[in-house]
């Protein structure tokens, strides 16, 4: 025992650990501090878990468009416990957002941001937005459909920033389109920049919490006894806080015990979610897929939904101005609310504003979650899906385009001349110079199945001619009174001559069947029951075929 004491004395002389223990663990916490106060330590625990699982994921992840998706699949299917680790990281991000948000809500309604804790609150606001930054940058890394399209929407929103929008979007993307540089920048931000920033701010936040002490729960009694003069009121509050700390218990083991119990509960929740729900991985990203329904993560849904109420030039209000005003309000809150009163009855305006804000966020999130899909989900032909993936893997889009999207040095694959059937296209893949003398296209060494999938995909881009002779008559009978095609028809609705450029046949058929299910504000009547399903699909194919004609 004497040897252990001697070692402790030797270590204390060199590190001062006893002073550190007394400052952090032996300090008293105010009387009345209960379970709501575990949220701060819970955030720290989940952040540590995110760091651990993130490092394990990074050991097997490749941040390049060619390998990102497959590396995530490798983690899911072949790395030992990879499914569990990725699931814990995914759900840990969700819990992190929830816990940081609840921690801020508790601080707001308990007015724990007031003197002398103004900077503690400011650092906390910064930590909240950094947490959202982690969610945004990590979203793209799987490089699947959801990651690609949701990030594309997010980057597009950044263009709404006054004066700097175009510059910000270009910095995020690293060019004109999402690609190799984009993924590299998001990965670097996620694993290098943001961790460095958040670690520094966590250190500052913990220092300020220890320096000022944990705030005591507000009490009506002390609020009613405060003198009207601010200086005397703050002096009385200081005396009251000292008395509450004196009557309280040591931080360890009483607070650390609650923190440990709650952390164990969160760990169980993470395990259950990771094992039984996991982290989804959709099909590989496909920039040419015009039917995908981009949806952000649930904690961005309220902003996504708010954009619907600010159309056109007003979109910047919902995307940038209003969130900016809220962020500025949160940062200025301790300097706006400078009164010594902390109970909610003594702060009716700010309490009401907080309740209204939470209700608005909740309502918008609920509405966004229930909003119908912009494009109806239809079962895709596996052969065409494989063909799309090969198109991306072989980087065909560097030279070729699809309906104007992609390279400009080779023909648009959606505008192929007649006569180029599956046999011709297959031979062209294996020996381009023989089929087109002078061609600069390289020969591809593809397996027979791969060539078949790629050819099927290319042919699908030109399939719009397969409609019956009845289809134009269906258009004349049911659509021409409002819509025009090639200059013939009404003008009450949009001209449909080029609708096939940005919509596919299944989407058009679903819209004809029930427009309101896709667009709440649609004025067009539903044709379900009036037009047979087969005729509706025939009409949709006819409309898609019009993309081959010049506008």
Protein backbone atom coordinates (compact mmCIF):
# COMPACT_ATOMS: atom_id res chain seq x y z
CA UNK A 1 0.00 0.00 0.00
CA UNK A 2 2.85 2.36 0.89
CA UNK A 3 4.40 1.62 -2.50
CA UNK A 4 1.15 2.58 -4.25
CA UNK A 5 0.88 5.80 -2.21
CA UNK A 6 4.49 6.64 -2.99
CA UNK A 7 3.84 6.13 -6.70
CA UNK A 8 0.72 8.34 -6.49
CA UNK A 9 2.77 11.07 -4.75
CA UNK A 10 5.52 10.75 -7.38
CA UNK A 11 2.98 11.01 -10.22
CA UNK A 12 1.17 13.95 -8.60
CA UNK A 13 4.43 15.87 -8.25
CA UNK A 14 4.99 15.54 -11.98
CA UNK A 15 1.45 15.79 -13.38
CA UNK A 16 -0.70 17.45 -10.69
CA UNK A 17 -3.36 14.76 -11.11
CA UNK A 18 -4.78 15.29 -7.60
CA UNK A 19 -5.49 18.93 -8.39
CA UNK A 20 -7.10 17.90 -11.66
CA UNK A 21 -9.21 15.27 -9.87
CA UNK A 22 -10.30 17.80 -7.26
CA UNK A 23 -11.21 20.36 -9.91
CA UNK A 24 -13.17 18.00 -12.16
CA UNK A 25 -14.43 15.06 -10.13
CA UNK A 26 -14.61 16.33 -6.55
CA UNK A 27 -16.36 19.60 -7.35
CA UNK A 28 -19.88 19.96 -6.03
CA UNK A 29 -22.84 20.24 -8.33
CA UNK A 30 -25.85 22.40 -7.38
CA UNK A 31 -28.65 20.80 -5.43
CA UNK A 32 -31.55 19.75 -7.68
CA UNK A 33 -29.49 18.76 -10.75
CA UNK A 34 -31.24 15.68 -12.15
CA UNK A 35 -31.47 13.38 -15.14
CA UNK A 36 -32.03 16.12 -17.78
CA UNK A 37 -28.44 17.17 -17.13
CA UNK A 38 -27.02 13.90 -18.49
CA UNK A 39 -27.58 15.12 -22.07
CA UNK A 40 -24.24 16.93 -22.24
CA UNK A 41 -22.17 13.89 -21.23
CA UNK A 42 -24.36 11.73 -23.52
CA UNK A 43 -23.33 13.92 -26.48
CA UNK A 44 -19.67 13.44 -25.53
CA UNK A 45 -20.13 9.66 -25.27
CA UNK A 46 -21.82 9.37 -28.68
CA UNK A 47 -19.13 11.59 -30.23
CA UNK A 48 -16.48 9.22 -28.87
CA UNK A 49 -18.37 6.26 -30.34
CA UNK A 50 -18.59 8.09 -33.69
CA UNK A 51 -14.84 8.64 -33.62
CA UNK A 52 -14.15 4.97 -32.88
CA UNK A 53 -16.53 3.57 -35.50
CA UNK A 54 -15.45 6.22 -37.99
CA UNK A 55 -11.79 5.20 -37.71
CA UNK A 56 -12.72 1.54 -38.22
CA UNK A 57 -14.78 2.44 -41.31
CA UNK A 58 -12.05 4.66 -42.76
CA UNK A 59 -9.60 1.73 -42.65
CA UNK A 60 -11.64 -0.01 -45.35
CA UNK A 61 -13.11 2.95 -47.27
CA UNK A 62 -11.86 4.32 -50.59
CA UNK A 63 -12.89 7.96 -51.27
CA UNK A 64 -13.19 7.77 -55.06
CA UNK A 65 -16.29 7.48 -57.25
CA UNK A 66 -14.91 4.30 -58.82
CA UNK A 67 -14.41 2.48 -55.51
CA UNK A 68 -16.45 4.25 -52.80
CA UNK A 69 -19.65 2.27 -53.30
CA UNK A 70 -17.90 -1.08 -53.59
CA UNK A 71 -15.77 -0.34 -50.53
CA UNK A 72 -18.93 0.29 -48.51
CA UNK A 73 -20.38 -2.98 -49.80
CA UNK A 74 -17.11 -4.67 -48.83
CA UNK A 75 -17.49 -3.27 -45.29
CA UNK A 76 -21.09 -4.46 -45.12
CA UNK A 77 -20.55 -7.95 -46.54
CA UNK A 78 -16.96 -9.02 -45.90
CA UNK A 79 -15.32 -7.03 -43.10
CA UNK A 80 -15.81 -8.83 -39.77
CA UNK A 81 -18.58 -7.01 -37.86
CA UNK A 82 -18.64 -4.43 -40.68
CA UNK A 83 -22.44 -4.40 -40.79
CA UNK A 84 -22.54 -3.71 -37.04
CA UNK A 85 -19.86 -1.00 -37.16
CA UNK A 86 -21.48 0.85 -40.08
CA UNK A 87 -24.91 0.57 -38.48
CA UNK A 88 -23.59 1.98 -35.20
CA UNK A 89 -21.96 4.87 -37.06
CA UNK A 90 -25.12 5.64 -39.01
CA UNK A 91 -27.43 5.55 -35.98
CA UNK A 92 -24.80 7.25 -33.84
CA UNK A 93 -25.04 10.24 -36.20
CA UNK A 94 -28.81 10.30 -35.68
CA UNK A 95 -28.48 10.07 -31.89
CA UNK A 96 -25.82 12.78 -31.93
CA UNK A 97 -28.15 15.22 -33.65
CA UNK A 98 -31.04 14.32 -31.31
CA UNK A 99 -28.97 14.64 -28.14
CA UNK A 100 -27.26 17.91 -29.09
CA UNK A 101 -30.64 19.36 -30.08
CA UNK A 102 -32.28 18.25 -26.80
CA UNK A 103 -29.31 19.60 -24.84
CA UNK A 104 -29.78 23.00 -26.48
CA UNK A 105 -33.56 22.90 -25.90
CA UNK A 106 -33.02 22.19 -22.19
CA UNK A 107 -30.49 25.01 -21.94
CA UNK A 108 -32.85 27.38 -23.77
CA UNK A 109 -35.92 26.76 -21.64
CA UNK A 110 -33.92 26.69 -18.37
CA UNK A 111 -32.19 29.94 -19.43
CA UNK A 112 -28.81 28.40 -18.59
CA UNK A 113 -27.24 30.64 -21.25
CA UNK A 114 -27.39 33.70 -19.00
CA UNK A 115 -24.59 35.47 -17.20
CA UNK A 116 -21.88 34.29 -16.71
CA UNK A 117 -22.36 31.43 -19.20
CA UNK A 118 -22.78 33.42 -22.42
CA UNK A 119 -19.67 31.96 -24.05
CA UNK A 120 -20.57 28.44 -22.92
CA UNK A 121 -23.81 28.86 -24.92
CA UNK A 122 -22.03 30.36 -27.93
CA UNK A 123 -19.63 27.43 -28.12
CA UNK A 124 -22.61 25.07 -27.75
CA UNK A 125 -24.35 26.71 -30.73
CA UNK A 126 -21.18 26.23 -32.74
CA UNK A 127 -21.05 22.57 -31.74
CA UNK A 128 -24.64 22.10 -32.90
CA UNK A 129 -23.92 23.44 -36.38
CA UNK A 130 -20.70 21.42 -36.60
CA UNK A 131 -22.78 18.33 -35.79
CA UNK A 132 -25.07 19.14 -38.72
CA UNK A 133 -21.94 19.63 -40.83
CA UNK A 134 -20.84 16.10 -39.97
CA UNK A 135 -24.23 14.83 -41.12
CA UNK A 136 -24.04 16.72 -44.42
CA UNK A 137 -20.45 15.75 -45.32
CA UNK A 138 -20.90 12.12 -44.29
CA UNK A 139 -24.03 11.77 -46.38
CA UNK A 140 -22.17 11.63 -49.70
CA UNK A 141 -19.55 9.05 -48.73
CA UNK A 142 -21.47 5.82 -49.59
CA UNK A 143 -21.82 7.19 -53.15
CA UNK A 144 -25.18 5.51 -53.63
CA UNK A 145 -28.30 7.04 -55.18
CA UNK A 146 -29.52 8.65 -51.96
CA UNK A 147 -26.09 10.07 -51.17
CA UNK A 148 -25.55 11.51 -54.65
CA UNK A 149 -28.94 13.11 -55.19
CA UNK A 150 -29.45 14.44 -51.65
CA UNK A 151 -26.00 16.02 -51.76
CA UNK A 152 -26.74 17.48 -55.17
CA UNK A 153 -29.87 19.11 -53.71
CA UNK A 154 -27.87 20.42 -50.74
CA UNK A 155 -25.14 21.89 -52.94
CA UNK A 156 -27.79 23.49 -55.16
CA UNK A 157 -29.31 25.14 -52.08
CA UNK A 158 -25.91 26.65 -51.25
CA UNK A 159 -26.06 28.59 -54.53
CA UNK A 160 -28.83 30.68 -52.95
CA UNK A 161 -26.35 32.41 -50.62
CA UNK A 162 -26.22 36.08 -51.67
CA UNK A 163 -23.03 37.07 -53.53
CA UNK A 164 -21.11 33.92 -52.49
CA UNK A 165 -23.53 31.21 -53.62
CA UNK A 166 -21.89 30.24 -56.90
CA UNK A 167 -18.43 30.33 -55.30
CA UNK A 168 -19.54 28.16 -52.37
CA UNK A 169 -21.12 25.58 -54.67
CA UNK A 170 -17.95 25.41 -56.77
CA UNK A 171 -15.78 25.00 -53.66
CA UNK A 172 -18.00 22.17 -52.42
CA UNK A 173 -18.14 20.40 -55.78
CA UNK A 174 -14.60 21.14 -56.91
CA UNK A 175 -15.92 21.74 -60.41
CA UNK A 176 -19.14 21.95 -62.38
CA UNK A 177 -20.48 18.50 -61.40
CA UNK A 178 -20.33 16.15 -58.43
CA UNK A 179 -17.40 13.80 -58.97
CA UNK A 180 -13.95 12.74 -57.79
CA UNK A 181 -12.94 16.09 -56.33
CA UNK A 182 -16.32 16.50 -54.62
CA UNK A 183 -16.04 13.16 -52.86
CA UNK A 184 -12.43 13.85 -51.85
CA UNK A 185 -13.37 17.24 -50.37
CA UNK A 186 -16.36 15.88 -48.46
CA UNK A 187 -14.24 13.01 -47.10
CA UNK A 188 -11.44 15.38 -46.04
CA UNK A 189 -13.97 17.68 -44.37
CA UNK A 190 -15.64 14.77 -42.61
CA UNK A 191 -12.51 13.07 -41.24
CA UNK A 192 -9.99 15.95 -40.96
CA UNK A 193 -11.43 19.47 -40.88
CA UNK A 194 -14.60 18.99 -38.84
CA UNK A 195 -13.02 16.66 -36.22
CA UNK A 196 -10.24 19.19 -35.63
CA UNK A 197 -12.76 22.01 -35.20
CA UNK A 198 -15.16 20.06 -32.99
CA UNK A 199 -12.41 18.70 -30.72
CA UNK A 200 -11.18 22.23 -30.06
CA UNK A 201 -14.70 23.47 -29.36
CA UNK A 202 -15.50 20.50 -27.11
CA UNK A 203 -12.37 21.30 -25.10
CA UNK A 204 -13.43 24.94 -24.79
CA UNK A 205 -16.99 23.93 -23.85
CA UNK A 206 -15.84 21.53 -21.12
CA UNK A 207 -13.42 24.10 -19.73
CA UNK A 208 -16.18 26.71 -19.48
CA UNK A 209 -18.60 24.22 -17.87
CA UNK A 210 -16.03 23.33 -15.20
CA UNK A 211 -14.97 26.96 -14.75
CA UNK A 212 -18.46 28.34 -14.20
CA UNK A 213 -19.98 25.18 -12.80
CA UNK A 214 -23.14 23.38 -13.88
CA UNK A 215 -26.12 25.76 -13.84
CA UNK A 216 -28.71 25.15 -11.13
CA UNK A 217 -32.33 24.47 -12.15
CA UNK A 218 -34.41 27.70 -12.15
CA UNK A 219 -36.70 28.28 -9.17
CA UNK A 220 -39.79 30.48 -8.90
CA UNK A 221 -38.90 31.32 -5.29
CA UNK A 222 -35.55 32.93 -6.08
CA UNK A 223 -37.01 34.75 -9.12
CA UNK A 224 -39.72 36.27 -6.93
CA UNK A 225 -37.16 37.42 -4.32
CA UNK A 226 -34.79 39.19 -6.70
CA UNK A 227 -34.50 42.95 -6.13
CA UNK A 228 -35.42 45.20 -9.08
CA UNK A 229 -31.92 46.69 -9.38
CA UNK A 230 -29.91 44.46 -11.80
CA UNK A 231 -26.61 44.69 -9.89
CA UNK A 232 -28.19 43.58 -6.63
CA UNK A 233 -30.21 40.90 -8.41
CA UNK A 234 -27.10 39.33 -9.95
CA UNK A 235 -25.28 39.52 -6.60
CA UNK A 236 -28.16 37.70 -4.91
CA UNK A 237 -28.17 35.06 -7.65
CA UNK A 238 -24.44 34.53 -7.11
CA UNK A 239 -25.03 33.95 -3.38
CA UNK A 240 -27.94 31.63 -4.12
CA UNK A 241 -25.84 29.58 -6.57
CA UNK A 242 -23.01 29.24 -4.04
CA UNK A 243 -25.50 27.98 -1.44
CA UNK A 244 -26.96 25.48 -3.95
CA UNK A 245 -23.47 24.14 -4.68
CA UNK A 246 -22.68 23.88 -1.00
CA UNK A 247 -25.86 21.86 -0.45
CA UNK A 248 -25.17 19.68 -3.49
CA UNK A 249 -23.22 16.45 -3.93
CA UNK A 250 -19.81 15.76 -5.51
CA UNK A 251 -19.77 15.37 -9.27
CA UNK A 252 -18.25 11.91 -8.76
CA UNK A 253 -19.81 9.46 -8.15
CA UNK A 254 -23.31 11.02 -8.17
CA UNK A 255 -23.36 12.73 -11.58
CA UNK A 256 -20.87 10.35 -13.20
CA UNK A 257 -23.06 7.47 -12.04
CA UNK A 258 -26.09 8.86 -13.89
CA UNK A 259 -23.94 9.62 -16.91
CA UNK A 260 -22.63 6.05 -16.99
CA UNK A 261 -26.11 4.52 -16.69
CA UNK A 262 -27.44 6.68 -19.52
CA UNK A 263 -24.38 5.97 -21.68
CA UNK A 264 -24.94 2.23 -21.17
CA UNK A 265 -28.57 2.68 -22.24
CA UNK A 266 -27.48 4.56 -25.37
CA UNK A 267 -24.96 1.81 -26.18
CA UNK A 268 -27.73 -0.80 -26.01
CA UNK A 269 -29.93 1.36 -28.27
CA UNK A 270 -27.07 1.68 -30.77
CA UNK A 271 -26.49 -2.08 -30.81
CA UNK A 272 -30.20 -2.83 -31.31
CA UNK A 273 -30.58 -0.31 -34.14
CA UNK A 274 -27.35 -1.41 -35.83
CA UNK A 275 -28.23 -5.11 -35.69
CA UNK A 276 -31.95 -5.05 -36.46
CA UNK A 277 -32.24 -1.95 -38.68
CA UNK A 278 -28.71 -1.36 -39.93
CA UNK A 279 -27.56 1.26 -42.42
CA UNK A 280 -29.21 1.08 -45.82
CA UNK A 281 -27.20 1.09 -49.02
CA UNK A 282 -29.12 1.87 -52.19
CA UNK A 283 -28.08 1.30 -55.79
CA UNK A 284 -24.84 2.97 -56.95
CA UNK A 285 -25.14 6.64 -57.83
CA UNK A 286 -26.50 7.30 -61.30
CA UNK A 287 -26.37 10.95 -62.44
CA UNK A 288 -28.47 10.05 -65.50
CA UNK A 289 -31.41 8.69 -63.48
CA UNK A 290 -34.10 11.34 -63.81
CA UNK A 291 -36.63 9.30 -61.80
CA UNK A 292 -34.86 9.25 -58.43
CA UNK A 293 -36.61 10.95 -55.50
CA UNK A 294 -34.02 12.94 -53.52
CA UNK A 295 -34.87 13.11 -49.83
CA UNK A 296 -32.52 14.54 -47.17
CA UNK A 297 -31.86 12.94 -43.81
CA UNK A 298 -34.74 13.41 -41.37
CA UNK A 299 -33.08 16.29 -39.49
CA UNK A 300 -32.99 18.36 -42.70
CA UNK A 301 -36.56 17.49 -43.71
CA UNK A 302 -38.06 20.67 -42.22
CA UNK A 303 -35.85 22.81 -44.46
CA UNK A 304 -36.61 20.60 -47.47
CA UNK A 305 -40.35 21.02 -46.84
CA UNK A 306 -40.07 24.78 -46.23
CA UNK A 307 -38.70 25.27 -49.75
CA UNK A 308 -42.13 24.32 -51.14
CA UNK A 309 -43.68 27.44 -49.59
CA UNK A 310 -41.13 29.80 -51.17
CA UNK A 311 -41.16 29.06 -54.93
CA UNK A 312 -39.01 30.65 -57.59
CA UNK A 313 -36.92 33.63 -56.55
CA UNK A 314 -38.24 33.39 -52.98
CA UNK A 315 -36.47 30.05 -52.44
CA UNK A 316 -33.44 31.85 -51.01
CA UNK A 317 -35.61 33.08 -48.11
CA UNK A 318 -36.31 29.53 -46.91
CA UNK A 319 -32.92 28.10 -47.82
CA UNK A 320 -30.59 30.81 -46.54
CA UNK A 321 -32.22 33.91 -45.06
CA UNK A 322 -34.54 32.34 -42.47
CA UNK A 323 -31.98 29.74 -41.25
CA UNK A 324 -29.44 32.57 -41.08
CA UNK A 325 -31.80 34.68 -38.98
CA UNK A 326 -32.39 31.75 -36.60
CA UNK A 327 -28.63 31.11 -36.28
CA UNK A 328 -28.00 34.81 -35.60
CA UNK A 329 -30.80 34.84 -33.00
CA UNK A 330 -29.35 31.83 -31.19
CA UNK A 331 -25.88 33.39 -31.14
CA UNK A 332 -27.24 36.73 -29.85
CA UNK A 333 -29.68 35.19 -27.34
CA UNK A 334 -27.55 35.69 -24.17
CA UNK A 335 -27.08 39.34 -25.09
CA UNK A 336 -30.77 39.86 -25.92
CA UNK A 337 -32.17 38.22 -22.79
CA UNK A 338 -30.06 39.95 -20.11
CA UNK A 339 -32.56 39.89 -17.26
CA UNK A 340 -31.69 37.76 -14.19
CA UNK A 341 -35.00 35.84 -14.32
CA UNK A 342 -34.82 32.22 -15.49
CA UNK A 343 -38.24 30.61 -14.96
CA UNK A 344 -40.43 30.25 -18.04
CA UNK A 345 -43.26 32.32 -16.53
CA UNK A 346 -40.89 35.28 -16.20
CA UNK A 347 -39.82 34.90 -19.85
CA UNK A 348 -43.15 34.53 -21.70
CA UNK A 349 -41.99 35.95 -25.06
CA UNK A 350 -38.90 33.78 -25.41
CA UNK A 351 -40.73 30.75 -24.03
CA UNK A 352 -43.55 31.24 -26.52
CA UNK A 353 -41.07 31.74 -29.36
CA UNK A 354 -39.29 28.53 -28.40
CA UNK A 355 -42.51 26.52 -28.29
CA UNK A 356 -43.65 28.00 -31.61
CA UNK A 357 -40.28 27.25 -33.22
CA UNK A 358 -40.32 23.63 -32.04
CA UNK A 359 -43.91 23.20 -33.24
CA UNK A 360 -43.03 24.66 -36.66
CA UNK A 361 -39.97 22.41 -37.06
CA UNK A 362 -42.03 19.40 -35.98
CA UNK A 363 -44.88 20.19 -38.36
CA UNK A 364 -42.59 20.83 -41.34
CA UNK A 365 -40.65 17.62 -40.63
CA UNK A 366 -43.88 15.62 -40.40
CA UNK A 367 -45.21 17.15 -43.61
CA UNK A 368 -41.91 16.49 -45.37
CA UNK A 369 -41.90 12.85 -44.26
CA UNK A 370 -45.45 12.34 -45.54
CA UNK A 371 -45.02 14.28 -48.78
CA UNK A 372 -45.64 12.12 -51.87
CA UNK A 373 -42.68 11.16 -54.01
CA UNK A 374 -41.96 13.48 -56.91
CA UNK A 375 -41.33 10.46 -59.08
CA UNK A 376 -43.28 7.24 -58.42
CA UNK A 377 -41.05 4.31 -57.59
CA UNK A 378 -41.21 1.69 -60.32
CA UNK A 379 -39.47 -1.66 -60.47
CA UNK A 380 -36.33 -1.34 -62.58
CA UNK A 381 -35.09 -3.96 -65.02
CA UNK A 382 -31.94 -5.48 -63.38
CA UNK A 383 -30.25 -5.63 -66.78
CA UNK A 384 -30.77 -1.89 -67.30
CA UNK A 385 -29.56 -1.14 -63.76
CA UNK A 386 -26.36 -3.10 -64.46
CA UNK A 387 -25.99 -1.24 -67.75
CA UNK A 388 -26.27 2.12 -66.00
CA UNK A 389 -23.61 1.05 -63.51
CA UNK A 390 -21.26 0.01 -66.31
CA UNK A 391 -21.86 3.33 -68.05
CA UNK A 392 -20.58 5.09 -64.91
CA UNK A 393 -17.79 2.61 -64.18
CA UNK A 394 -16.36 2.86 -67.70
CA UNK A 395 -16.67 6.66 -67.58
CA UNK A 396 -18.65 6.78 -70.79
CA UNK A 397 -20.06 10.13 -69.69
CA UNK A 398 -16.66 11.78 -70.09
CA UNK A 399 -17.18 11.70 -73.87
CA UNK A 400 -20.84 10.80 -74.44
CA UNK A 401 -23.91 12.59 -73.15
CA UNK A 402 -27.44 11.44 -72.42
CA UNK A 403 -30.02 14.04 -73.44
CA UNK A 404 -27.43 16.77 -73.12
CA UNK A 405 -25.96 15.64 -69.76
CA UNK A 406 -22.31 14.55 -69.98
CA UNK A 407 -19.42 14.97 -72.40
CA UNK A 408 -19.55 16.80 -75.71
CA UNK A 409 -16.85 15.02 -77.74
CA UNK A 410 -18.93 11.95 -78.69
CA UNK A 411 -22.56 11.42 -79.83
CA UNK A 412 -25.50 11.74 -77.46
CA UNK A 413 -26.54 8.14 -76.72
CA UNK A 414 -30.20 9.12 -76.54
CA UNK A 415 -30.03 10.37 -80.14
CA UNK A 416 -28.63 7.30 -81.88
CA UNK A 417 -29.32 6.99 -85.63
CA UNK A 418 -31.81 4.39 -86.80
CA UNK A 419 -30.40 0.97 -87.67
CA UNK A 420 -27.94 0.77 -84.83
CA UNK A 421 -29.37 -2.32 -83.17
CA UNK A 422 -27.98 -4.58 -80.43
CA UNK A 423 -25.68 -6.46 -82.84
CA UNK A 424 -24.16 -3.26 -84.25
CA UNK A 425 -23.66 -1.72 -80.80
CA UNK A 426 -22.03 -4.88 -79.43
CA UNK A 427 -19.55 -5.02 -82.32
CA UNK A 428 -18.85 -1.31 -81.83
CA UNK A 429 -17.95 -1.84 -78.17
CA UNK A 430 -15.41 -4.52 -79.04
CA UNK A 431 -13.94 -2.83 -82.15
CA UNK A 432 -15.04 0.81 -82.67
CA UNK A 433 -12.59 1.53 -85.52
CA UNK A 434 -13.97 -1.30 -87.64
CA UNK A 435 -17.57 -0.09 -87.25
CA UNK A 436 -16.78 3.63 -87.53
CA UNK A 437 -13.51 4.29 -89.41
CA UNK A 438 -11.51 7.05 -87.75
CA UNK A 439 -13.21 6.59 -84.38
CA UNK A 440 -11.11 7.60 -81.35
CA UNK A 441 -13.14 5.47 -78.97
CA UNK A 442 -11.05 2.73 -77.27
CA UNK A 443 -12.02 -0.94 -77.56
CA UNK A 444 -13.49 -2.40 -74.37
CA UNK A 445 -12.63 -5.89 -73.14
CA UNK A 446 -16.04 -6.72 -71.70
CA UNK A 447 -17.54 -10.02 -70.75
CA UNK A 448 -20.48 -11.07 -72.89
CA UNK A 449 -22.96 -10.38 -70.06
CA UNK A 450 -21.44 -6.95 -69.44
CA UNK A 451 -21.64 -5.98 -73.09
CA UNK A 452 -25.24 -7.19 -73.21
CA UNK A 453 -26.19 -5.06 -70.17
CA UNK A 454 -24.50 -1.93 -71.56
CA UNK A 455 -26.14 -2.38 -74.98
CA UNK A 456 -29.56 -2.93 -73.36
CA UNK A 457 -29.10 0.30 -71.42
CA UNK A 458 -28.19 2.27 -74.54
CA UNK A 459 -31.15 0.87 -76.46
CA UNK A 460 -33.47 1.77 -73.56
CA UNK A 461 -32.51 5.41 -74.06
CA UNK A 462 -34.01 5.24 -77.53
CA UNK A 463 -37.05 3.08 -76.81
CA UNK A 464 -39.57 5.93 -77.08
CA UNK A 465 -40.79 4.92 -80.54
CA UNK A 466 -42.66 1.86 -79.23
CA UNK A 467 -46.20 3.25 -79.02
CA UNK A 468 -49.29 2.15 -80.89
CA UNK A 469 -51.10 3.99 -83.68
CA UNK A 470 -53.88 4.61 -81.15
CA UNK A 471 -51.67 6.76 -78.89
CA UNK A 472 -51.87 10.04 -80.89
CA UNK A 473 -55.65 9.70 -80.90
CA UNK A 474 -55.64 9.22 -77.10
CA UNK A 475 -53.67 12.44 -76.80
CA UNK A 476 -56.10 14.31 -79.05
CA UNK A 477 -59.14 13.06 -77.11
CA UNK A 478 -57.90 13.55 -73.56
CA UNK A 479 -54.98 15.99 -73.57
CA UNK A 480 -54.97 18.30 -76.59
CA UNK A 481 -57.57 20.69 -75.16
CA UNK A 482 -54.98 21.87 -72.61
CA UNK A 483 -51.56 20.66 -73.86
CA UNK A 484 -49.70 20.98 -77.13
CA UNK A 485 -47.29 18.64 -78.90
CA UNK A 486 -45.23 19.90 -81.85
CA UNK A 487 -47.32 23.07 -82.04
CA UNK A 488 -50.71 21.32 -82.09
CA UNK A 489 -53.05 21.55 -79.09
CA UNK A 490 -54.11 23.94 -76.36
CA UNK A 491 -52.02 26.30 -74.24
CA UNK A 492 -53.82 26.09 -70.88
CA UNK A 493 -51.22 23.56 -69.67
CA UNK A 494 -47.50 23.02 -70.34
CA UNK A 495 -46.25 22.14 -73.81
CA UNK A 496 -45.41 18.42 -73.72
CA UNK A 497 -43.20 18.29 -76.79
CA UNK A 498 -40.04 17.72 -74.73
CA UNK A 499 -41.48 16.13 -71.60
CA UNK A 500 -39.60 12.91 -72.41
CA UNK A 501 -36.27 14.69 -71.94
CA UNK A 502 -36.76 14.95 -68.17
CA UNK A 503 -39.53 12.43 -67.44
CA UNK A 504 -39.76 8.70 -68.13
CA UNK A 505 -42.87 6.79 -69.19
CA UNK A 506 -43.73 5.29 -65.74
CA UNK A 507 -43.72 8.77 -64.16
CA UNK A 508 -45.93 10.22 -66.90
CA UNK A 509 -48.37 7.30 -66.64
CA UNK A 510 -48.60 7.71 -62.85
CA UNK A 511 -49.19 11.45 -63.23
CA UNK A 512 -51.97 10.92 -65.79
CA UNK A 513 -53.55 8.38 -63.44
CA UNK A 514 -53.61 10.67 -60.36
CA UNK A 515 -51.79 14.03 -60.58
CA UNK A 516 -52.57 15.09 -57.00
CA UNK A 517 -50.75 12.08 -55.57
CA UNK A 518 -47.56 13.49 -57.06
CA UNK A 519 -48.24 17.24 -56.90
CA UNK A 520 -50.62 18.53 -54.24
CA UNK A 521 -51.26 21.70 -56.26
CA UNK A 522 -51.99 19.96 -59.56
CA UNK A 523 -54.97 21.45 -61.43
CA UNK A 524 -55.10 18.59 -63.91
CA UNK A 525 -57.91 16.09 -63.29
CA UNK A 526 -57.19 12.41 -62.59
CA UNK A 527 -57.87 10.00 -65.47
CA UNK A 528 -58.01 6.82 -63.40
CA UNK A 529 -61.16 4.98 -64.40
CA UNK A 530 -61.53 7.09 -67.54
CA UNK A 531 -58.52 5.73 -69.43
CA UNK A 532 -57.57 2.06 -69.28
CA UNK A 533 -54.19 1.26 -67.73
CA UNK A 534 -52.79 -0.14 -71.01
CA UNK A 535 -53.91 2.98 -72.90
CA UNK A 536 -52.44 5.20 -70.21
CA UNK A 537 -49.05 3.49 -70.57
CA UNK A 538 -49.33 3.72 -74.37
CA UNK A 539 -50.06 7.45 -74.12
CA UNK A 540 -47.07 7.91 -71.77
CA UNK A 541 -44.76 6.20 -74.27
CA UNK A 542 -46.11 8.44 -77.03
CA UNK A 543 -45.28 11.54 -74.99
CA UNK A 544 -41.79 10.26 -74.19
CA UNK A 545 -41.24 9.70 -77.93
CA UNK A 546 -41.62 13.42 -78.58
CA UNK A 547 -38.16 14.05 -77.10
CA UNK A 548 -36.68 12.82 -80.40
CA UNK A 549 -38.21 15.80 -82.19
CA UNK A 550 -36.74 19.28 -82.09
CA UNK A 551 -38.63 21.70 -79.80
